[in-house]
């Protein structure tokens, strides 16, 4: 999995990036995928409450114009999600370009270290990034993750083992955790 952060400037002029969007059917409902020419930047549910803000913020950060279409990156992402939901794939291994603050990106990178079938708490992630008292800020960064499933924010639970918020909705979080072998939720 590769995190890439790129700003394209040529001769002092910022070049617009195309953000290609595609919707796919999954067992959790319609998911929206977004990619630049070389990396997945968005994997969410367009009906989630924060989805419009997420897309707007992503376009602003990337300097991107959203268009509906398909691309090799989106085809690979759709296939990887199909395999994940079928239980044949545990890691979405695609080039990723998370677009957030340095703190958010450090949290999202730490989420990649939580293995399939395991969970971690916000406090665990805070300690993992060297900010042990920042669990509330970690929770906010987890909630801002634009790459759901690919960057597994659904694996983060409360320190007492309880389910906590999820941008895609708790029903989807439960479904994803059960898919990964957690039957207690």
Protein backbone atom coordinates (compact mmCIF):
# COMPACT_ATOMS: atom_id res chain seq x y z
CA UNK A 1 0.00 0.00 0.00
CA UNK A 2 1.47 3.33 -0.97
CA UNK A 3 0.59 6.74 0.40
CA UNK A 4 1.32 9.51 -2.06
CA UNK A 5 0.89 13.21 -1.47
CA UNK A 6 1.56 15.22 -4.59
CA UNK A 7 1.03 18.83 -5.56
CA UNK A 8 1.53 19.51 -9.25
CA UNK A 9 2.99 22.87 -10.16
CA UNK A 10 4.45 23.61 -13.56
CA UNK A 11 6.09 26.95 -14.32
CA UNK A 12 4.48 28.43 -11.20
CA UNK A 13 0.95 27.43 -12.26
CA UNK A 14 -1.10 24.98 -10.23
CA UNK A 15 -2.52 22.33 -12.55
CA UNK A 16 -6.00 20.96 -11.94
CA UNK A 17 -6.29 17.28 -11.20
CA UNK A 18 -9.21 15.20 -12.42
CA UNK A 19 -10.95 13.21 -9.69
CA UNK A 20 -12.77 10.37 -11.42
CA UNK A 21 -15.78 9.07 -9.47
CA UNK A 22 -17.61 5.78 -9.81
CA UNK A 23 -20.38 4.18 -7.75
CA UNK A 24 -20.51 0.43 -7.14
CA UNK A 25 -23.00 -1.90 -5.46
CA UNK A 26 -21.73 -3.71 -2.36
CA UNK A 27 -23.31 -5.69 0.50
CA UNK A 28 -23.14 -2.45 2.52
CA UNK A 29 -25.00 -0.46 -0.14
CA UNK A 30 -23.76 1.82 -2.87
CA UNK A 31 -20.16 2.88 -2.40
CA UNK A 32 -18.46 5.78 -4.12
CA UNK A 33 -14.91 5.40 -5.33
CA UNK A 34 -12.69 8.26 -6.41
CA UNK A 35 -9.29 8.20 -8.02
CA UNK A 36 -6.69 10.42 -9.55
CA UNK A 37 -4.73 9.09 -12.49
CA UNK A 38 -2.53 6.94 -10.26
CA UNK A 39 -4.13 6.47 -6.83
CA UNK A 40 -7.36 5.81 -4.96
CA UNK A 41 -8.35 8.87 -2.94
CA UNK A 42 -11.96 8.13 -1.97
CA UNK A 43 -13.91 5.08 -0.86
CA UNK A 44 -17.09 5.95 1.00
CA UNK A 45 -20.87 5.76 0.99
CA UNK A 46 -22.53 8.68 -0.81
CA UNK A 47 -25.59 8.44 1.47
CA UNK A 48 -23.53 8.89 4.66
CA UNK A 49 -24.14 12.21 6.46
CA UNK A 50 -20.57 13.47 6.00
CA UNK A 51 -20.15 12.34 2.39
CA UNK A 52 -20.90 15.68 0.66
CA UNK A 53 -18.43 17.51 2.92
CA UNK A 54 -15.82 14.78 2.43
CA UNK A 55 -15.98 15.07 -1.37
CA UNK A 56 -15.89 18.87 -1.26
CA UNK A 57 -12.90 18.91 1.13
CA UNK A 58 -11.10 16.30 -0.96
CA UNK A 59 -11.55 18.29 -4.17
CA UNK A 60 -10.32 21.42 -2.43
CA UNK A 61 -7.23 19.72 -0.98
CA UNK A 62 -6.34 18.09 -4.29
CA UNK A 63 -7.27 21.07 -6.42
CA UNK A 64 -9.41 18.57 -8.31
CA UNK A 65 -12.41 18.69 -10.56
CA UNK A 66 -14.80 15.73 -10.01
CA UNK A 67 -16.08 13.83 -13.05
CA UNK A 68 -18.04 10.59 -13.31
CA UNK A 69 -16.29 7.83 -15.21
CA UNK A 70 -13.99 4.86 -14.91
CA UNK A 71 -10.26 4.31 -14.83
CA UNK A 72 -7.79 1.47 -14.30
CA UNK A 73 -7.42 2.49 -10.62
CA UNK A 74 -11.20 2.44 -10.10
CA UNK A 75 -11.53 -0.92 -11.87
CA UNK A 76 -8.86 -2.40 -9.57
CA UNK A 77 -10.51 -0.87 -6.51
CA UNK A 78 -13.94 -2.23 -7.47
CA UNK A 79 -12.47 -5.70 -8.02
CA UNK A 80 -10.58 -5.55 -4.70
CA UNK A 81 -13.77 -4.59 -2.84
CA UNK A 82 -15.66 -7.41 -4.55
CA UNK A 83 -12.97 -9.84 -3.35
CA UNK A 84 -12.98 -8.32 0.16
CA UNK A 85 -16.76 -8.69 0.52
CA UNK A 86 -16.54 -12.27 -0.78
CA UNK A 87 -14.05 -13.03 2.01
CA UNK A 88 -11.19 -13.72 -0.40
CA UNK A 89 -9.14 -10.58 0.30
CA UNK A 90 -8.04 -9.15 3.63
CA UNK A 91 -6.06 -6.10 2.49
CA UNK A 92 -6.92 -3.60 -0.23
CA UNK A 93 -3.50 -3.35 -1.84
CA UNK A 94 -3.72 -0.34 -4.12
CA UNK A 95 -1.83 2.94 -4.38
CA UNK A 96 -3.58 5.31 -1.97
CA UNK A 97 -3.36 9.07 -1.75
CA UNK A 98 -4.91 10.20 1.52
CA UNK A 99 -5.55 13.92 1.57
CA UNK A 100 -5.60 15.33 5.07
CA UNK A 101 -3.56 17.22 7.58
CA UNK A 102 -0.24 15.71 8.66
CA UNK A 103 -1.91 14.58 11.91
CA UNK A 104 -4.82 12.95 10.07
CA UNK A 105 -2.46 11.20 7.69
CA UNK A 106 -0.40 9.84 10.62
CA UNK A 107 -3.60 8.42 12.12
CA UNK A 108 -4.73 6.92 8.80
CA UNK A 109 -1.31 5.33 8.32
CA UNK A 110 -1.60 3.77 11.81
CA UNK A 111 -5.02 2.35 10.88
CA UNK A 112 -3.31 0.29 8.16
CA UNK A 113 -1.41 -1.52 10.93
CA UNK A 114 -4.62 -2.92 12.47
CA UNK A 115 -4.86 -6.36 10.87
CA UNK A 116 -7.92 -7.96 9.34
CA UNK A 117 -10.00 -9.63 12.04
CA UNK A 118 -8.54 -7.47 14.83
CA UNK A 119 -9.68 -4.26 16.45
CA UNK A 120 -7.93 -1.41 18.25
CA UNK A 121 -9.13 1.51 20.34
CA UNK A 122 -8.69 5.22 19.70
CA UNK A 123 -6.25 5.20 22.63
CA UNK A 124 -4.25 2.39 20.99
CA UNK A 125 -3.93 4.46 17.83
CA UNK A 126 -3.01 7.59 19.83
CA UNK A 127 -0.20 5.65 21.53
CA UNK A 128 0.88 4.14 18.21
CA UNK A 129 1.44 7.60 16.71
CA UNK A 130 3.23 8.88 19.82
CA UNK A 131 0.39 11.11 21.05
CA UNK A 132 -1.05 9.07 23.97
CA UNK A 133 -3.39 11.79 25.26
CA UNK A 134 -4.76 12.72 21.83
CA UNK A 135 -7.43 10.00 21.65
CA UNK A 136 -10.21 12.53 20.97
CA UNK A 137 -8.25 14.08 18.11
CA UNK A 138 -7.53 10.56 16.86
CA UNK A 139 -11.28 9.82 16.94
CA UNK A 140 -11.92 12.93 14.86
CA UNK A 141 -9.23 11.94 12.35
CA UNK A 142 -10.61 8.39 12.13
CA UNK A 143 -14.05 9.89 11.43
CA UNK A 144 -12.55 11.99 8.62
CA UNK A 145 -10.99 9.03 6.81
CA UNK A 146 -11.92 9.32 3.10
CA UNK A 147 -10.71 5.80 2.30
CA UNK A 148 -13.09 3.54 4.23
CA UNK A 149 -12.28 -0.18 4.10
CA UNK A 150 -8.99 0.48 2.23
CA UNK A 151 -7.84 2.33 5.36
CA UNK A 152 -9.77 0.23 7.89
CA UNK A 153 -11.37 2.76 10.23
CA UNK A 154 -14.18 0.27 10.93
CA UNK A 155 -11.72 -1.72 13.09
CA UNK A 156 -11.52 1.05 15.68
CA UNK A 157 -13.69 0.62 18.77
CA UNK A 158 -14.02 2.19 22.21
CA UNK A 159 -11.44 1.41 24.89
CA UNK A 160 -14.11 -0.60 26.73
CA UNK A 161 -14.68 -2.76 23.63
CA UNK A 162 -17.90 -1.03 22.65
CA UNK A 163 -18.90 0.07 19.19
CA UNK A 164 -18.38 3.75 18.59
CA UNK A 165 -19.36 6.05 15.76
CA UNK A 166 -18.67 5.28 12.14
CA UNK A 167 -19.08 7.67 9.22
CA UNK A 168 -20.87 5.02 7.18
CA UNK A 169 -23.24 4.21 10.05
CA UNK A 170 -23.03 1.65 12.85
CA UNK A 171 -25.01 -0.95 10.85
CA UNK A 172 -22.28 -0.95 8.21
CA UNK A 173 -19.55 -1.09 10.85
CA UNK A 174 -21.18 -4.16 12.40
CA UNK A 175 -21.47 -5.81 8.97
CA UNK A 176 -17.78 -5.15 8.21
CA UNK A 177 -16.65 -6.44 11.60
CA UNK A 178 -18.79 -9.58 11.23
CA UNK A 179 -17.34 -10.13 7.76
CA UNK A 180 -13.91 -10.10 9.42
CA UNK A 181 -14.96 -12.66 12.04
CA UNK A 182 -16.20 -10.53 14.96
CA UNK A 183 -19.46 -12.02 16.13
CA UNK A 184 -19.87 -10.21 19.44
CA UNK A 185 -21.24 -7.00 17.89
